[in-house]
Amino acid sequence: MTAKRTLIVGLGNPLMTDDAVGILVARELHARLKSPDVELREASVAGIELMELLVGYDRAIIIDAVQTDGGKPGDWYRLDGPREISDLPQSSHRFGIFEGLELGRRLDLDMPEEIRIYAVEAPDPFTFGEGLSPALAAALPGIVEGIYRELVG
């Protein structure tokens, strides 16, 4: 049996405080999964550009920052379809993710069979600066652990 080629994509901008959380979580997951079949990419893209990153992989794990009403720093959500992602406000990368994936399938590109999208509650993804806010930085280990446990079952 051939191992599945997996791509972990951390979406975000490391110069926009909490918007970097997708990248940081992706780096930690990649380090914990420790497999030659798992690759890491960091990007600030959506739609067609994101679709192009995924071509040729069997599985994709995408992590991004999001803000929701009543969300707490470090809450995270698994999104499985366009309706769920459209219900989450203020993620700078969420627009076009599902549209890009659907386009890839319609173009008969070699798209992943399994795609998991995780959105992490980020209190301040719009301020210029390096480093996460203190609340999100404190929550980072728990976020990584929770998503890791879900991925490995």
Protein backbone atom coordinates (compact mmCIF):
# COMPACT_ATOMS: atom_id res chain seq x y z
CA MET A 1 0.00 0.00 0.00
CA THR A 2 1.35 3.42 -1.00
CA ALA A 3 1.40 6.18 1.63
CA LYS A 4 -0.82 9.17 0.97
CA ARG A 5 1.01 12.35 -0.04
CA THR A 6 -0.19 15.01 2.37
CA LEU A 7 0.22 18.76 2.15
CA ILE A 8 -0.19 20.98 5.20
CA VAL A 9 -0.86 24.59 4.21
CA GLY A 10 -0.50 27.32 6.80
CA LEU A 11 -2.31 30.42 5.58
CA GLY A 12 -1.50 33.82 6.97
CA ASN A 13 0.83 36.75 7.12
CA PRO A 14 3.61 36.63 9.75
CA LEU A 15 3.72 40.44 9.77
CA MET A 16 0.07 40.76 10.83
CA THR A 17 0.14 39.58 14.48
CA ASP A 18 -2.47 36.82 14.95
CA ASP A 19 -2.93 36.26 11.21
CA ALA A 20 0.25 34.17 11.48
CA VAL A 21 -1.48 31.51 13.60
CA GLY A 22 -2.25 29.32 10.56
CA ILE A 23 1.43 29.26 9.63
CA LEU A 24 2.58 28.55 13.19
CA VAL A 25 0.08 25.72 13.71
CA ALA A 26 1.02 24.22 10.33
CA ARG A 27 4.72 24.25 11.23
CA GLU A 28 4.07 22.50 14.53
CA LEU A 29 1.80 19.88 12.95
CA HIS A 30 4.39 19.18 10.26
CA ALA A 31 7.08 18.70 12.89
CA ARG A 32 4.87 16.35 14.94
CA LEU A 33 3.73 14.23 11.99
CA LYS A 34 7.37 13.53 10.99
CA SER A 35 6.81 11.73 7.71
CA PRO A 36 8.48 12.00 4.32
CA ASP A 37 4.98 11.84 2.82
CA VAL A 38 3.91 15.08 4.58
CA GLU A 39 4.99 18.42 3.12
CA LEU A 40 4.56 21.95 4.46
CA ARG A 41 3.75 25.13 2.57
CA GLU A 42 3.14 28.63 3.93
CA ALA A 43 1.03 30.99 1.87
CA SER A 44 -1.10 34.13 1.81
CA VAL A 45 -3.41 32.97 -0.98
CA ALA A 46 -6.92 31.72 -1.66
CA GLY A 47 -9.02 30.58 -4.59
CA ILE A 48 -7.07 29.65 -7.71
CA GLU A 49 -3.65 30.20 -6.12
CA LEU A 50 -4.52 27.83 -3.27
CA MET A 51 -5.95 25.30 -5.72
CA GLU A 52 -2.65 25.28 -7.61
CA LEU A 53 -0.74 24.45 -4.40
CA LEU A 54 -2.90 21.36 -3.81
CA VAL A 55 -2.55 19.69 -7.22
CA GLY A 56 -0.90 16.29 -6.99
CA TYR A 57 -1.57 15.59 -3.30
CA ASP A 58 -3.87 12.90 -1.90
CA ARG A 59 -4.71 14.82 1.26
CA ALA A 60 -4.62 18.51 2.22
CA ILE A 61 -4.78 20.15 5.63
CA ILE A 62 -5.35 23.91 5.52
CA ILE A 63 -5.09 26.11 8.62
CA ASP A 64 -6.14 29.77 8.74
CA ALA A 65 -7.06 32.49 11.23
CA VAL A 66 -10.66 33.62 11.69
CA GLN A 67 -12.74 35.90 13.92
CA THR A 68 -16.25 34.96 15.01
CA ASP A 69 -18.79 36.61 17.29
CA GLY A 70 -18.20 35.26 20.78
CA GLY A 71 -15.12 33.24 19.84
CA LYS A 72 -12.26 32.97 22.30
CA PRO A 73 -8.56 33.08 21.37
CA GLY A 74 -7.51 29.57 20.49
CA ASP A 75 -10.93 28.13 19.71
CA TRP A 76 -10.67 26.17 16.48
CA TYR A 77 -13.19 24.84 14.03
CA ARG A 78 -13.12 22.20 11.32
CA LEU A 79 -14.87 23.42 8.18
CA ASP A 80 -16.24 20.88 5.77
CA GLY A 81 -18.14 22.91 3.20
CA PRO A 82 -18.85 26.28 1.63
CA ARG A 83 -21.81 27.07 3.91
CA GLU A 84 -19.73 26.66 7.06
CA ILE A 85 -16.91 28.81 5.77
CA SER A 86 -19.24 31.57 4.56
CA ASP A 87 -20.74 31.75 8.06
CA LEU A 88 -17.36 32.70 9.56
CA PRO A 89 -16.61 36.42 9.26
CA GLN A 90 -13.32 38.20 8.76
CA SER A 91 -10.80 35.62 7.59
CA SER A 92 -8.57 37.23 5.02
CA HIS A 93 -8.03 33.93 3.14
CA ARG A 94 -11.37 32.13 3.30
CA PHE A 95 -12.94 33.72 0.24
CA GLY A 96 -12.55 31.46 -2.74
CA ILE A 97 -11.16 28.37 -1.00
CA PHE A 98 -14.08 26.11 -1.88
CA GLU A 99 -14.59 27.81 -5.23
CA GLY A 100 -10.95 27.17 -6.11
CA LEU A 101 -11.21 23.53 -5.08
CA GLU A 102 -14.37 23.04 -7.13
CA LEU A 103 -12.72 24.65 -10.15
CA GLY A 104 -9.78 22.26 -9.82
CA ARG A 105 -12.14 19.30 -9.83
CA ARG A 106 -14.08 20.62 -12.83
CA LEU A 107 -10.80 21.09 -14.71
CA ASP A 108 -10.04 17.45 -13.91
CA LEU A 109 -6.88 18.36 -12.03
CA ASP A 110 -5.33 15.86 -9.64
CA MET A 111 -6.95 17.36 -6.52
CA PRO A 112 -6.74 15.80 -3.04
CA GLU A 113 -9.44 13.29 -2.19
CA GLU A 114 -9.45 14.52 1.41
CA ILE A 115 -9.31 18.18 2.35
CA ARG A 116 -9.57 19.41 5.92
CA ILE A 117 -9.80 23.10 6.69
CA TYR A 118 -9.21 24.37 10.22
CA ALA A 119 -10.02 27.92 11.29
CA VAL A 120 -8.38 29.21 14.47
CA GLU A 121 -9.95 32.03 16.47
CA ALA A 122 -7.54 34.96 16.34
CA PRO A 123 -8.28 38.11 18.37
CA ASP A 124 -6.03 40.47 16.37
CA PRO A 125 -5.25 39.38 12.79
CA PHE A 126 -5.27 42.91 11.35
CA THR A 127 -2.54 44.78 13.26
CA PHE A 128 0.94 45.06 11.81
CA GLY A 129 3.49 43.38 14.04
CA GLU A 130 5.37 40.16 14.58
CA GLY A 131 4.35 37.61 17.17
CA LEU A 132 0.97 36.41 18.37
CA SER A 133 -1.08 38.25 20.94
CA PRO A 134 -0.44 36.90 24.47
CA ALA A 135 -3.79 35.07 24.68
CA LEU A 136 -3.32 33.32 21.35
CA ALA A 137 0.33 32.50 22.07
CA ALA A 138 -0.74 30.85 25.33
CA ALA A 139 -3.39 28.83 23.49
CA LEU A 140 -1.08 27.68 20.67
CA PRO A 141 0.08 24.37 22.25
CA GLY A 142 -3.52 23.33 22.91
CA ILE A 143 -4.58 24.20 19.36
CA VAL A 144 -1.77 22.12 17.88
CA GLU A 145 -2.50 19.20 20.22
CA GLY A 146 -6.23 19.23 19.46
CA ILE A 147 -5.83 19.32 15.69
CA TYR A 148 -3.02 16.75 15.82
CA ARG A 149 -5.19 14.32 17.79
CA GLU A 150 -8.02 14.73 15.30
CA LEU A 151 -5.68 14.10 12.36
CA VAL A 152 -4.09 10.95 13.76
CA GLY A 153 -7.37 9.61 15.16
